[in-house]
């Protein structure tokens, strides 16, 4: 077990995993910043969520339905009209 923890492959995998977690967190923050504007830029939002909507955290579980409703037009892009 100790050999596995010290191996370069294991260390690379851990760093890669941490990097991917950070990327997903940053993506979620960007999406939240977009939908927290008075008027949501749906084209920009669509570009951010094209590769997926992060939901790795319990706090982000409700993000997907809201984003889809905005993109599909079920929610207006002006947040005061919600």
N, C-alpha and C. Protein backbone atom coordinates (compact mmCIF):
# COMPACT_ATOMS: atom_id res chain seq x y z
N UNK A 1 0.82 -1.18 0.00
CA UNK A 1 0.00 0.00 0.00
C UNK A 1 0.87 1.25 0.00
N UNK A 2 1.92 1.24 0.79
CA UNK A 2 2.80 2.40 0.86
C UNK A 2 3.44 2.67 -0.49
N UNK A 3 3.78 1.61 -1.23
CA UNK A 3 4.38 1.77 -2.55
C UNK A 3 3.40 2.46 -3.49
N UNK A 4 2.14 2.09 -3.41
CA UNK A 4 1.12 2.69 -4.28
C UNK A 4 1.00 4.19 -4.02
N UNK A 5 0.99 4.58 -2.77
CA UNK A 5 0.84 5.99 -2.41
C UNK A 5 2.03 6.81 -2.88
N UNK A 6 3.22 6.22 -2.88
CA UNK A 6 4.42 6.95 -3.28
C UNK A 6 4.68 6.88 -4.78
N UNK A 7 3.95 6.06 -5.50
CA UNK A 7 4.22 5.92 -6.93
C UNK A 7 3.85 7.19 -7.68
N UNK A 8 4.57 7.45 -8.76
CA UNK A 8 4.34 8.65 -9.57
C UNK A 8 2.97 8.60 -10.24
N UNK A 9 2.57 7.43 -10.67
CA UNK A 9 1.27 7.28 -11.33
C UNK A 9 0.14 7.66 -10.38
N UNK A 10 0.23 7.19 -9.16
CA UNK A 10 -0.79 7.50 -8.16
C UNK A 10 -0.82 9.00 -7.89
N UNK A 11 0.34 9.59 -7.72
CA UNK A 11 0.42 11.03 -7.45
C UNK A 11 -0.15 11.84 -8.61
N UNK A 12 0.11 11.41 -9.86
CA UNK A 12 -0.45 12.09 -11.03
C UNK A 12 -1.96 12.00 -11.04
N UNK A 13 -2.47 10.80 -10.71
CA UNK A 13 -3.92 10.60 -10.70
C UNK A 13 -4.59 11.48 -9.63
N UNK A 14 -3.98 11.60 -8.48
CA UNK A 14 -4.52 12.44 -7.41
C UNK A 14 -4.53 13.89 -7.85
N UNK A 15 -3.43 14.36 -8.45
CA UNK A 15 -3.37 15.74 -8.92
C UNK A 15 -4.40 15.98 -10.02
N UNK A 16 -4.56 15.02 -10.92
CA UNK A 16 -5.53 15.14 -12.00
C UNK A 16 -6.95 15.20 -11.43
N UNK A 17 -7.23 14.36 -10.44
CA UNK A 17 -8.54 14.36 -9.80
C UNK A 17 -8.81 15.70 -9.14
N UNK A 18 -7.85 16.22 -8.40
CA UNK A 18 -8.01 17.51 -7.73
C UNK A 18 -8.20 18.62 -8.75
N UNK A 19 -7.45 18.58 -9.85
CA UNK A 19 -7.56 19.58 -10.90
C UNK A 19 -8.96 19.55 -11.51
N UNK A 20 -9.49 18.35 -11.76
CA UNK A 20 -10.83 18.23 -12.33
C UNK A 20 -11.90 18.73 -11.37
N UNK A 21 -11.73 18.48 -10.07
CA UNK A 21 -12.67 19.00 -9.08
C UNK A 21 -12.67 20.52 -9.07
N UNK A 22 -11.49 21.10 -9.16
CA UNK A 22 -11.36 22.56 -9.18
C UNK A 22 -12.00 23.12 -10.45
N UNK A 23 -11.79 22.45 -11.58
CA UNK A 23 -12.39 22.91 -12.83
C UNK A 23 -13.91 22.90 -12.75
N UNK A 24 -14.47 21.83 -12.19
CA UNK A 24 -15.93 21.74 -12.05
C UNK A 24 -16.46 22.81 -11.11
N UNK A 25 -15.74 23.06 -10.03
CA UNK A 25 -16.16 24.08 -9.08
C UNK A 25 -16.14 25.46 -9.74
N UNK A 26 -15.07 25.75 -10.49
CA UNK A 26 -14.97 27.03 -11.18
C UNK A 26 -16.06 27.18 -12.23
N UNK A 27 -16.38 26.09 -12.93
CA UNK A 27 -17.44 26.13 -13.92
C UNK A 27 -18.78 26.42 -13.25
N UNK A 28 -19.03 25.80 -12.14
CA UNK A 28 -20.28 26.04 -11.40
C UNK A 28 -20.36 27.49 -10.93
N UNK A 29 -19.25 28.03 -10.48
CA UNK A 29 -19.22 29.43 -10.05
C UNK A 29 -19.53 30.35 -11.22
N UNK A 30 -18.95 30.07 -12.38
CA UNK A 30 -19.22 30.89 -13.57
C UNK A 30 -20.69 30.83 -13.96
N UNK A 31 -21.28 29.64 -13.91
CA UNK A 31 -22.70 29.49 -14.24
C UNK A 31 -23.55 30.26 -13.25
N UNK A 32 -23.23 30.17 -11.98
CA UNK A 32 -23.98 30.91 -10.96
C UNK A 32 -23.84 32.42 -11.17
N UNK A 33 -22.64 32.86 -11.55
CA UNK A 33 -22.46 34.29 -11.83
C UNK A 33 -23.32 34.74 -13.00
N UNK A 34 -23.45 33.90 -14.01
CA UNK A 34 -24.26 34.24 -15.17
C UNK A 34 -25.74 34.34 -14.79
N UNK A 35 -26.25 33.37 -14.02
CA UNK A 35 -27.68 33.39 -13.71
C UNK A 35 -28.03 34.33 -12.56
N UNK A 36 -27.03 34.92 -11.92
CA UNK A 36 -27.29 35.90 -10.87
C UNK A 36 -27.32 37.33 -11.38
N UNK A 37 -27.31 37.51 -12.69
CA UNK A 37 -27.41 38.85 -13.29
C UNK A 37 -28.88 39.23 -13.42
N UNK A 38 -29.15 40.51 -13.54
CA UNK A 38 -30.53 40.97 -13.73
C UNK A 38 -31.10 40.42 -15.04
N UNK A 39 -30.28 40.46 -16.09
CA UNK A 39 -30.67 39.89 -17.37
C UNK A 39 -29.65 38.82 -17.73
N UNK A 40 -30.11 37.60 -17.92
CA UNK A 40 -29.23 36.47 -18.18
C UNK A 40 -28.91 36.39 -19.67
N UNK A 41 -27.63 36.28 -19.97
CA UNK A 41 -27.18 36.10 -21.35
C UNK A 41 -27.31 34.61 -21.68
N UNK A 42 -28.39 34.23 -22.35
CA UNK A 42 -28.68 32.82 -22.60
C UNK A 42 -27.67 32.19 -23.55
N UNK A 43 -27.11 32.97 -24.47
CA UNK A 43 -26.08 32.41 -25.37
C UNK A 43 -24.82 32.06 -24.59
N UNK A 44 -24.42 32.95 -23.69
CA UNK A 44 -23.25 32.68 -22.86
C UNK A 44 -23.51 31.48 -21.94
N UNK A 45 -24.69 31.44 -21.36
CA UNK A 45 -25.06 30.33 -20.49
C UNK A 45 -25.04 29.02 -21.27
N UNK A 46 -25.56 29.03 -22.47
CA UNK A 46 -25.57 27.82 -23.31
C UNK A 46 -24.16 27.34 -23.59
N UNK A 47 -23.25 28.28 -23.86
CA UNK A 47 -21.86 27.90 -24.12
C UNK A 47 -21.22 27.25 -22.89
N UNK A 48 -21.50 27.79 -21.71
CA UNK A 48 -20.91 27.23 -20.49
C UNK A 48 -21.45 25.85 -20.18
N UNK A 49 -22.71 25.60 -20.44
CA UNK A 49 -23.30 24.31 -20.06
C UNK A 49 -23.28 23.29 -21.19
N UNK A 50 -22.71 23.64 -22.32
CA UNK A 50 -22.68 22.72 -23.47
C UNK A 50 -22.02 21.39 -23.11
N UNK A 51 -20.98 21.42 -22.31
CA UNK A 51 -20.27 20.20 -21.93
C UNK A 51 -20.77 19.61 -20.62
N UNK A 52 -21.85 20.16 -20.08
CA UNK A 52 -22.43 19.60 -18.87
C UNK A 52 -22.56 20.63 -17.76
N UNK A 53 -23.44 20.32 -16.84
CA UNK A 53 -23.68 21.19 -15.70
C UNK A 53 -23.19 20.46 -14.45
N UNK A 54 -22.23 21.02 -13.74
CA UNK A 54 -21.70 20.34 -12.56
C UNK A 54 -22.78 20.13 -11.50
N UNK A 55 -22.78 18.97 -10.89
CA UNK A 55 -23.69 18.69 -9.79
C UNK A 55 -23.01 17.79 -8.77
N UNK A 56 -21.70 17.97 -8.62
CA UNK A 56 -20.91 17.13 -7.72
C UNK A 56 -21.10 17.48 -6.25
N UNK A 57 -21.74 18.58 -6.00
CA UNK A 57 -21.92 19.06 -4.63
C UNK A 57 -23.42 19.14 -4.34
N UNK A 58 -23.82 18.86 -3.13
CA UNK A 58 -25.25 18.92 -2.77
C UNK A 58 -25.83 20.31 -2.98
N UNK A 59 -25.01 21.33 -2.85
CA UNK A 59 -25.49 22.70 -3.04
C UNK A 59 -25.85 22.99 -4.50
N UNK A 60 -25.34 22.19 -5.42
CA UNK A 60 -25.54 22.44 -6.85
C UNK A 60 -26.61 21.55 -7.47
N UNK A 61 -27.26 20.71 -6.69
CA UNK A 61 -28.24 19.78 -7.25
C UNK A 61 -29.37 20.52 -7.95
N UNK A 62 -29.83 21.63 -7.43
CA UNK A 62 -30.93 22.38 -8.03
C UNK A 62 -30.52 23.26 -9.20
N UNK A 63 -29.24 23.29 -9.53
CA UNK A 63 -28.76 24.16 -10.60
C UNK A 63 -29.20 23.66 -11.98
N UNK A 64 -29.14 22.37 -12.21
CA UNK A 64 -29.48 21.82 -13.53
C UNK A 64 -30.91 22.16 -13.97
N UNK A 65 -31.94 21.94 -13.15
CA UNK A 65 -33.29 22.26 -13.61
C UNK A 65 -33.50 23.74 -13.91
N UNK A 66 -32.87 24.59 -13.12
CA UNK A 66 -33.01 26.03 -13.35
C UNK A 66 -32.35 26.42 -14.67
N UNK A 67 -31.14 25.93 -14.89
CA UNK A 67 -30.42 26.26 -16.13
C UNK A 67 -31.19 25.77 -17.34
N UNK A 68 -31.71 24.55 -17.28
CA UNK A 68 -32.47 24.04 -18.43
C UNK A 68 -33.74 24.85 -18.68
N UNK A 69 -34.40 25.26 -17.63
CA UNK A 69 -35.61 26.09 -17.81
C UNK A 69 -35.28 27.43 -18.45
N UNK A 70 -34.14 28.00 -18.07
CA UNK A 70 -33.72 29.27 -18.67
C UNK A 70 -33.40 29.07 -20.15
N UNK A 71 -32.61 28.05 -20.45
CA UNK A 71 -32.19 27.82 -21.83
C UNK A 71 -33.39 27.50 -22.73
N UNK A 72 -34.34 26.73 -22.22
CA UNK A 72 -35.49 26.34 -23.03
C UNK A 72 -36.58 27.42 -23.08
N UNK A 73 -36.41 28.48 -22.31
CA UNK A 73 -37.36 29.59 -22.34
C UNK A 73 -38.53 29.45 -21.38
N UNK A 74 -38.53 28.43 -20.53
CA UNK A 74 -39.60 28.28 -19.55
C UNK A 74 -39.48 29.33 -18.45
N UNK A 75 -38.28 29.78 -18.18
CA UNK A 75 -38.05 30.90 -17.26
C UNK A 75 -37.54 32.07 -18.10
N UNK A 76 -38.05 33.27 -17.84
CA UNK A 76 -37.58 34.42 -18.60
C UNK A 76 -36.12 34.75 -18.26
N UNK A 77 -35.43 35.40 -19.19
CA UNK A 77 -34.03 35.72 -18.93
C UNK A 77 -33.86 36.94 -18.01
N UNK A 78 -34.93 37.59 -17.66
CA UNK A 78 -34.89 38.66 -16.66
C UNK A 78 -35.30 38.06 -15.31
N UNK A 79 -34.35 38.03 -14.39
CA UNK A 79 -34.59 37.34 -13.12
C UNK A 79 -35.67 38.01 -12.27
N UNK A 80 -35.91 39.29 -12.45
CA UNK A 80 -36.96 39.94 -11.66
C UNK A 80 -38.35 39.45 -12.05
N UNK A 81 -38.49 38.84 -13.25
CA UNK A 81 -39.77 38.30 -13.70
C UNK A 81 -40.03 36.88 -13.18
N UNK A 82 -39.11 36.32 -12.45
CA UNK A 82 -39.31 35.00 -11.90
C UNK A 82 -40.31 35.10 -10.77
